[in-house]
Amino acid sequence: MKDHVRILGWLNIALGALGLLGAIIVFFVFGGIAGIVGIAAHDDPDAVRVAIPVLGVLGTVIPLIIGLLSLPGIVVGWGLIRFQSWARILGIILSALNLLHVPLGTLLGIYGLWVLLQPETERLFAPPAAAPHA
């Protein structure tokens, strides 16, 4: 089961990194659109005054939301790879939420729930037993 936990950790990191990459791409796409609008609408300054701030807000808020939704996958993946005690519970929560992220998130969510809900996996994340006092 250790291998499955590590694989799940790396898959969470990969999906989170793809989300961050998507956020960066969206940021630059909106910036490019704002630049094109600024150049193309030089005949109508009123349209530029309205369009560019709207594109700026959207180009900032949307990537920020995507980035914030991607970061938990990276953090949980890192914790799973290192068998941190907190990572199993957060991994179960993230896997349940990933079920809504069709299609890759759904597959990762199903795999994550299967891996993290196994009794053997629970033992992997259990804190070590205290040594008896002599």
N, C-alpha and C. Protein backbone atom coordinates (compact mmCIF):
# COMPACT_ATOMS: atom_id res chain seq x y z
N MET A 1 0.82 -1.20 0.00
CA MET A 1 0.00 0.00 0.00
C MET A 1 0.87 1.26 0.00
N LYS A 2 2.11 1.14 0.51
CA LYS A 2 3.00 2.30 0.52
C LYS A 2 3.18 2.87 -0.88
N ASP A 3 3.33 1.98 -1.86
CA ASP A 3 3.53 2.44 -3.23
C ASP A 3 2.30 3.19 -3.74
N HIS A 4 1.11 2.69 -3.40
CA HIS A 4 -0.12 3.36 -3.82
C HIS A 4 -0.22 4.76 -3.20
N VAL A 5 0.17 4.87 -1.94
CA VAL A 5 0.11 6.18 -1.27
C VAL A 5 1.07 7.15 -1.96
N ARG A 6 2.26 6.68 -2.28
CA ARG A 6 3.23 7.55 -2.97
C ARG A 6 2.74 7.94 -4.36
N ILE A 7 2.19 6.97 -5.08
CA ILE A 7 1.64 7.27 -6.42
C ILE A 7 0.52 8.30 -6.29
N LEU A 8 -0.36 8.12 -5.32
CA LEU A 8 -1.44 9.08 -5.11
C LEU A 8 -0.88 10.46 -4.79
N GLY A 9 0.17 10.51 -3.98
CA GLY A 9 0.79 11.79 -3.66
C GLY A 9 1.31 12.48 -4.90
N TRP A 10 2.04 11.75 -5.74
CA TRP A 10 2.57 12.35 -6.96
C TRP A 10 1.47 12.74 -7.93
N LEU A 11 0.40 11.96 -8.02
CA LEU A 11 -0.72 12.32 -8.89
C LEU A 11 -1.40 13.60 -8.40
N ASN A 12 -1.54 13.76 -7.09
CA ASN A 12 -2.12 14.99 -6.55
C ASN A 12 -1.23 16.19 -6.86
N ILE A 13 0.08 16.00 -6.72
CA ILE A 13 1.01 17.09 -7.06
C ILE A 13 0.91 17.44 -8.54
N ALA A 14 0.85 16.41 -9.40
CA ALA A 14 0.77 16.65 -10.84
C ALA A 14 -0.51 17.39 -11.21
N LEU A 15 -1.64 16.97 -10.65
CA LEU A 15 -2.91 17.64 -10.96
C LEU A 15 -2.91 19.07 -10.44
N GLY A 16 -2.34 19.28 -9.25
CA GLY A 16 -2.23 20.63 -8.72
C GLY A 16 -1.33 21.51 -9.57
N ALA A 17 -0.22 20.94 -10.06
CA ALA A 17 0.69 21.69 -10.92
C ALA A 17 0.02 22.03 -12.25
N LEU A 18 -0.78 21.11 -12.78
CA LEU A 18 -1.53 21.42 -14.00
C LEU A 18 -2.51 22.57 -13.77
N GLY A 19 -3.13 22.59 -12.61
CA GLY A 19 -4.03 23.69 -12.27
C GLY A 19 -3.29 25.02 -12.20
N LEU A 20 -2.11 25.01 -11.58
CA LEU A 20 -1.31 26.24 -11.51
C LEU A 20 -0.87 26.68 -12.90
N LEU A 21 -0.50 25.73 -13.75
CA LEU A 21 -0.13 26.06 -15.12
C LEU A 21 -1.33 26.67 -15.85
N GLY A 22 -2.50 26.09 -15.65
CA GLY A 22 -3.72 26.64 -16.25
C GLY A 22 -4.00 28.06 -15.76
N ALA A 23 -3.77 28.31 -14.48
CA ALA A 23 -3.98 29.65 -13.94
C ALA A 23 -3.03 30.66 -14.60
N ILE A 24 -1.78 30.26 -14.80
CA ILE A 24 -0.82 31.15 -15.45
C ILE A 24 -1.22 31.42 -16.89
N ILE A 25 -1.68 30.39 -17.59
CA ILE A 25 -2.11 30.56 -18.98
C ILE A 25 -3.30 31.50 -19.05
N VAL A 26 -4.29 31.32 -18.17
CA VAL A 26 -5.47 32.20 -18.16
C VAL A 26 -5.04 33.64 -17.88
N PHE A 27 -4.11 33.83 -16.96
CA PHE A 27 -3.61 35.17 -16.63
C PHE A 27 -3.05 35.85 -17.87
N PHE A 28 -2.20 35.14 -18.62
CA PHE A 28 -1.59 35.73 -19.81
C PHE A 28 -2.58 35.91 -20.95
N VAL A 29 -3.55 35.00 -21.07
CA VAL A 29 -4.57 35.14 -22.12
C VAL A 29 -5.39 36.41 -21.89
N PHE A 30 -5.83 36.63 -20.65
CA PHE A 30 -6.59 37.84 -20.37
C PHE A 30 -5.74 39.09 -20.57
N GLY A 31 -4.46 39.01 -20.21
CA GLY A 31 -3.57 40.14 -20.45
C GLY A 31 -3.42 40.43 -21.93
N GLY A 32 -3.29 39.38 -22.72
CA GLY A 32 -3.20 39.55 -24.18
C GLY A 32 -4.47 40.12 -24.76
N ILE A 33 -5.61 39.64 -24.28
CA ILE A 33 -6.89 40.16 -24.77
C ILE A 33 -7.01 41.64 -24.42
N ALA A 34 -6.62 42.01 -23.21
CA ALA A 34 -6.68 43.42 -22.81
C ALA A 34 -5.78 44.27 -23.72
N GLY A 35 -4.60 43.75 -24.05
CA GLY A 35 -3.71 44.48 -24.96
C GLY A 35 -4.31 44.64 -26.34
N ILE A 36 -4.91 43.58 -26.85
CA ILE A 36 -5.53 43.63 -28.18
C ILE A 36 -6.69 44.61 -28.18
N VAL A 37 -7.50 44.58 -27.14
CA VAL A 37 -8.63 45.51 -27.04
C VAL A 37 -8.11 46.95 -26.99
N GLY A 38 -7.06 47.17 -26.23
CA GLY A 38 -6.48 48.51 -26.13
C GLY A 38 -5.99 49.02 -27.47
N ILE A 39 -5.39 48.14 -28.27
CA ILE A 39 -4.87 48.54 -29.58
C ILE A 39 -6.02 48.70 -30.58
N ALA A 40 -6.96 47.74 -30.58
CA ALA A 40 -8.02 47.73 -31.58
C ALA A 40 -9.07 48.81 -31.35
N ALA A 41 -9.27 49.22 -30.11
CA ALA A 41 -10.35 50.16 -29.82
C ALA A 41 -9.83 51.58 -29.63
N HIS A 42 -8.76 51.94 -30.32
CA HIS A 42 -8.21 53.28 -30.16
C HIS A 42 -9.16 54.36 -30.68
N ASP A 43 -10.14 53.98 -31.52
CA ASP A 43 -11.12 54.94 -32.03
C ASP A 43 -12.20 55.26 -31.00
N ASP A 44 -12.41 54.36 -30.02
CA ASP A 44 -13.47 54.53 -29.03
C ASP A 44 -12.87 54.46 -27.63
N PRO A 45 -12.38 55.60 -27.10
CA PRO A 45 -11.73 55.57 -25.79
C PRO A 45 -12.68 55.18 -24.65
N ASP A 46 -13.97 55.42 -24.80
CA ASP A 46 -14.92 55.03 -23.75
C ASP A 46 -14.98 53.50 -23.60
N ALA A 47 -14.93 52.81 -24.72
CA ALA A 47 -14.96 51.34 -24.67
C ALA A 47 -13.69 50.81 -23.98
N VAL A 48 -12.57 51.44 -24.25
CA VAL A 48 -11.32 51.02 -23.64
C VAL A 48 -11.36 51.24 -22.13
N ARG A 49 -11.93 52.37 -21.71
CA ARG A 49 -12.01 52.67 -20.28
C ARG A 49 -12.88 51.66 -19.53
N VAL A 50 -13.82 51.06 -20.21
CA VAL A 50 -14.68 50.07 -19.57
C VAL A 50 -14.10 48.66 -19.71
N ALA A 51 -13.66 48.31 -20.91
CA ALA A 51 -13.25 46.93 -21.20
C ALA A 51 -11.97 46.53 -20.49
N ILE A 52 -10.98 47.38 -20.51
CA ILE A 52 -9.68 46.98 -19.94
C ILE A 52 -9.75 46.74 -18.43
N PRO A 53 -10.41 47.58 -17.64
CA PRO A 53 -10.51 47.25 -16.21
C PRO A 53 -11.28 45.95 -15.94
N VAL A 54 -12.34 45.70 -16.73
CA VAL A 54 -13.09 44.45 -16.56
C VAL A 54 -12.20 43.26 -16.89
N LEU A 55 -11.47 43.35 -17.99
CA LEU A 55 -10.55 42.26 -18.34
C LEU A 55 -9.45 42.11 -17.30
N GLY A 56 -9.00 43.21 -16.75
CA GLY A 56 -7.97 43.16 -15.71
C GLY A 56 -8.47 42.45 -14.46
N VAL A 57 -9.69 42.77 -14.04
CA VAL A 57 -10.25 42.12 -12.85
C VAL A 57 -10.46 40.63 -13.11
N LEU A 58 -11.06 40.31 -14.25
CA LEU A 58 -11.28 38.90 -14.58
C LEU A 58 -9.96 38.16 -14.74
N GLY A 59 -8.99 38.81 -15.36
CA GLY A 59 -7.69 38.20 -15.58
C GLY A 59 -6.89 38.01 -14.30
N THR A 60 -7.31 38.66 -13.23
CA THR A 60 -6.65 38.48 -11.94
C THR A 60 -7.43 37.52 -11.06
N VAL A 61 -8.74 37.68 -11.01
CA VAL A 61 -9.57 36.88 -10.10
C VAL A 61 -9.65 35.42 -10.54
N ILE A 62 -9.88 35.18 -11.82
CA ILE A 62 -10.03 33.80 -12.29
C ILE A 62 -8.75 32.99 -12.05
N PRO A 63 -7.56 33.48 -12.46
CA PRO A 63 -6.34 32.71 -12.16
C PRO A 63 -6.09 32.55 -10.66
N LEU A 64 -6.45 33.55 -9.88
CA LEU A 64 -6.26 33.45 -8.44
C LEU A 64 -7.12 32.33 -7.86
N ILE A 65 -8.36 32.24 -8.30
CA ILE A 65 -9.25 31.18 -7.83
C ILE A 65 -8.73 29.81 -8.27
N ILE A 66 -8.32 29.70 -9.54
CA ILE A 66 -7.79 28.43 -10.03
C ILE A 66 -6.54 28.04 -9.24
N GLY A 67 -5.68 29.00 -8.99
CA GLY A 67 -4.46 28.73 -8.24
C GLY A 67 -4.75 28.29 -6.82
N LEU A 68 -5.69 28.98 -6.16
CA LEU A 68 -6.03 28.62 -4.79
C LEU A 68 -6.68 27.24 -4.70
N LEU A 69 -7.41 26.86 -5.73
CA LEU A 69 -8.01 25.52 -5.74
C LEU A 69 -6.99 24.44 -6.08
N SER A 70 -5.89 24.81 -6.69
CA SER A 70 -4.85 23.84 -7.06
C SER A 70 -3.85 23.59 -5.94
N LEU A 71 -3.62 24.57 -5.10
CA LEU A 71 -2.61 24.44 -4.05
C LEU A 71 -2.87 23.30 -3.05
N PRO A 72 -4.12 23.04 -2.64
CA PRO A 72 -4.32 21.93 -1.70
C PRO A 72 -3.84 20.58 -2.24
N GLY A 73 -3.98 20.36 -3.55
CA GLY A 73 -3.51 19.11 -4.13
C GLY A 73 -2.00 18.95 -3.99
N ILE A 74 -1.28 20.04 -4.16
CA ILE A 74 0.18 19.99 -4.03
C ILE A 74 0.56 19.74 -2.57
N VAL A 75 -0.10 20.43 -1.66
CA VAL A 75 0.21 20.28 -0.24
C VAL A 75 -0.12 18.86 0.24
N VAL A 76 -1.29 18.37 -0.12
CA VAL A 76 -1.68 17.01 0.28
C VAL A 76 -0.76 15.98 -0.34
N GLY A 77 -0.42 16.17 -1.61
CA GLY A 77 0.50 15.24 -2.27
C GLY A 77 1.84 15.17 -1.57
N TRP A 78 2.37 16.32 -1.19
CA TRP A 78 3.63 16.38 -0.46
C TRP A 78 3.51 15.62 0.87
N GLY A 79 2.40 15.84 1.58
CA GLY A 79 2.19 15.17 2.85
C GLY A 79 2.04 13.66 2.70
N LEU A 80 1.37 13.22 1.64
CA LEU A 80 1.20 11.78 1.41
C LEU A 80 2.53 11.11 1.10
N ILE A 81 3.35 11.75 0.30
CA ILE A 81 4.65 11.17 -0.05
C ILE A 81 5.50 10.99 1.20
N ARG A 82 5.36 11.91 2.16
CA ARG A 82 6.16 11.86 3.39
C ARG A 82 5.42 11.18 4.55
N PHE A 83 4.24 10.62 4.27
CA PHE A 83 3.44 9.91 5.26
C PHE A 83 3.19 10.76 6.51
N GLN A 84 2.85 12.02 6.29
CA GLN A 84 2.50 12.91 7.39
C GLN A 84 1.13 12.51 7.92
N SER A 85 0.95 12.55 9.23
CA SER A 85 -0.31 12.08 9.82
C SER A 85 -1.52 12.89 9.36
N TRP A 86 -1.35 14.17 9.13
CA TRP A 86 -2.47 15.03 8.71
C TRP A 86 -2.86 14.80 7.25
N ALA A 87 -1.96 14.23 6.45
CA ALA A 87 -2.19 14.14 5.01
C ALA A 87 -3.28 13.13 4.65
N ARG A 88 -3.43 12.08 5.45
CA ARG A 88 -4.45 11.07 5.13
C ARG A 88 -5.85 11.66 5.21
N ILE A 89 -6.16 12.37 6.29
CA ILE A 89 -7.50 12.96 6.45
C ILE A 89 -7.75 14.01 5.37
N LEU A 90 -6.77 14.89 5.17
CA LEU A 90 -6.94 15.91 4.12
C LEU A 90 -7.01 15.26 2.74
N GLY A 91 -6.29 14.16 2.55
CA GLY A 91 -6.34 13.45 1.28
C GLY A 91 -7.71 12.84 1.03
N ILE A 92 -8.35 12.34 2.06
CA ILE A 92 -9.70 11.80 1.92
C ILE A 92 -10.67 12.92 1.54
N ILE A 93 -10.55 14.06 2.21
CA ILE A 93 -11.42 15.20 1.90
C ILE A 93 -11.18 15.67 0.47
N LEU A 94 -9.91 15.82 0.09
CA LEU A 94 -9.59 16.27 -1.26
C LEU A 94 -10.06 15.27 -2.30
N SER A 95 -9.92 13.98 -2.02
CA SER A 95 -10.38 12.95 -2.96
C SER A 95 -11.89 13.02 -3.16
N ALA A 96 -12.62 13.26 -2.08
CA ALA A 96 -14.08 13.39 -2.19
C ALA A 96 -14.44 14.62 -3.03
N LEU A 97 -13.74 15.72 -2.83
CA LEU A 97 -14.00 16.92 -3.63
C LEU A 97 -13.57 16.73 -5.08
N ASN A 98 -12.52 15.97 -5.30
CA ASN A 98 -12.05 15.72 -6.67
C ASN A 98 -13.06 14.94 -7.49
N LEU A 99 -13.95 14.21 -6.84
CA LEU A 99 -14.96 13.45 -7.58
C LEU A 99 -15.79 14.37 -8.49
N LEU A 100 -15.91 15.64 -8.13
CA LEU A 100 -16.69 16.60 -8.91
C LEU A 100 -15.90 17.18 -10.08
N HIS A 101 -14.60 16.93 -10.13
CA HIS A 101 -13.71 17.50 -11.14
C HIS A 101 -13.55 16.50 -12.29
N VAL A 102 -14.56 16.45 -13.16
CA VAL A 102 -14.63 15.46 -14.25
C VAL A 102 -13.64 15.83 -15.34
N PRO A 103 -12.95 14.92 -15.96
CA PRO A 103 -12.83 13.48 -15.75
C PRO A 103 -11.61 13.10 -14.89
N LEU A 104 -10.52 13.88 -14.98
CA LEU A 104 -9.29 13.48 -14.27
C LEU A 104 -9.48 13.48 -12.76
N GLY A 105 -10.13 14.51 -12.24
CA GLY A 105 -10.35 14.59 -10.81
C GLY A 105 -11.20 13.44 -10.30
N THR A 106 -12.18 13.04 -11.10
CA THR A 106 -13.04 11.92 -10.70
C THR A 106 -12.22 10.63 -10.58
N LEU A 107 -11.38 10.39 -11.56
CA LEU A 107 -10.52 9.19 -11.50
C LEU A 107 -9.57 9.26 -10.31
N LEU A 108 -8.97 10.42 -10.10
CA LEU A 108 -8.06 10.59 -8.97
C LEU A 108 -8.81 10.48 -7.64
N GLY A 109 -10.02 11.00 -7.58
CA GLY A 109 -10.83 10.92 -6.37
C GLY A 109 -11.18 9.48 -6.02
N ILE A 110 -11.58 8.71 -7.02
CA ILE A 110 -11.92 7.30 -6.77
C ILE A 110 -10.68 6.54 -6.29
N TYR A 111 -9.57 6.75 -6.99
CA TYR A 111 -8.32 6.08 -6.60
C TYR A 111 -7.88 6.51 -5.21
N GLY A 112 -7.99 7.81 -4.93
CA GLY A 112 -7.59 8.33 -3.62
C GLY A 112 -8.43 7.76 -2.49
N LEU A 113 -9.74 7.69 -2.69
CA LEU A 113 -10.59 7.12 -1.65
C LEU A 113 -10.28 5.64 -1.44
N TRP A 114 -10.05 4.92 -2.53
CA TRP A 114 -9.72 3.50 -2.40
C TRP A 114 -8.42 3.32 -1.62
N VAL A 115 -7.41 4.11 -1.95
CA VAL A 115 -6.11 3.97 -1.28
C VAL A 115 -6.20 4.39 0.18
N LEU A 116 -6.77 5.54 0.44
CA LEU A 116 -6.71 6.13 1.78
C LEU A 116 -7.68 5.52 2.78
N LEU A 117 -8.68 4.80 2.31
CA LEU A 117 -9.64 4.19 3.23
C LEU A 117 -9.32 2.73 3.55
N GLN A 118 -8.21 2.22 3.04
CA GLN A 118 -7.79 0.85 3.35
C GLN A 118 -7.26 0.79 4.78
N PRO A 119 -7.56 -0.29 5.53
CA PRO A 119 -7.03 -0.43 6.89
C PRO A 119 -5.49 -0.41 6.93
N GLU A 120 -4.85 -1.00 5.93
CA GLU A 120 -3.39 -0.99 5.88
C GLU A 120 -2.85 0.43 5.75
N THR A 121 -3.53 1.27 4.97
CA THR A 121 -3.11 2.66 4.82
C THR A 121 -3.30 3.42 6.13
N GLU A 122 -4.37 3.13 6.82
CA GLU A 122 -4.61 3.78 8.10
C GLU A 122 -3.47 3.48 9.07
N ARG A 123 -2.99 2.25 9.06
CA ARG A 123 -1.86 1.89 9.92
C ARG A 123 -0.58 2.61 9.52
N LEU A 124 -0.40 2.86 8.22
CA LEU A 124 0.80 3.58 7.75
C LEU A 124 0.87 5.00 8.32
N PHE A 125 -0.29 5.61 8.52
CA PHE A 125 -0.35 6.99 8.98
C PHE A 125 -0.57 7.11 10.49
N ALA A 126 -0.70 5.97 11.16
CA ALA A 126 -0.91 6.01 12.61
C ALA A 126 0.36 6.48 13.30
N PRO A 127 0.21 7.27 14.36
CA PRO A 127 1.41 7.70 15.10
C PRO A 127 2.08 6.49 15.75
N PRO A 128 3.41 6.53 15.84
CA PRO A 128 4.10 5.39 16.46
C PRO A 128 3.69 5.22 17.92
N ALA A 129 3.62 3.98 18.33
CA ALA A 129 3.22 3.69 19.72
C ALA A 129 4.33 4.15 20.66
N ALA A 130 3.92 4.67 21.79
CA ALA A 130 4.89 5.14 22.79
C ALA A 130 5.59 3.94 23.41
N ALA A 131 6.87 4.09 23.65
CA ALA A 131 7.65 3.02 24.28
C ALA A 131 7.24 2.88 25.74
N PRO A 132 7.07 1.65 26.21
CA PRO A 132 6.67 1.46 27.62
C PRO A 132 7.80 1.90 28.55
N HIS A 133 7.42 2.49 29.66
CA HIS A 133 8.41 2.92 30.66
C HIS A 133 8.86 1.74 31.49
N ALA A 134 10.17 1.63 31.75
CA ALA A 134 10.71 0.49 32.52
C ALA A 134 10.81 0.80 33.98
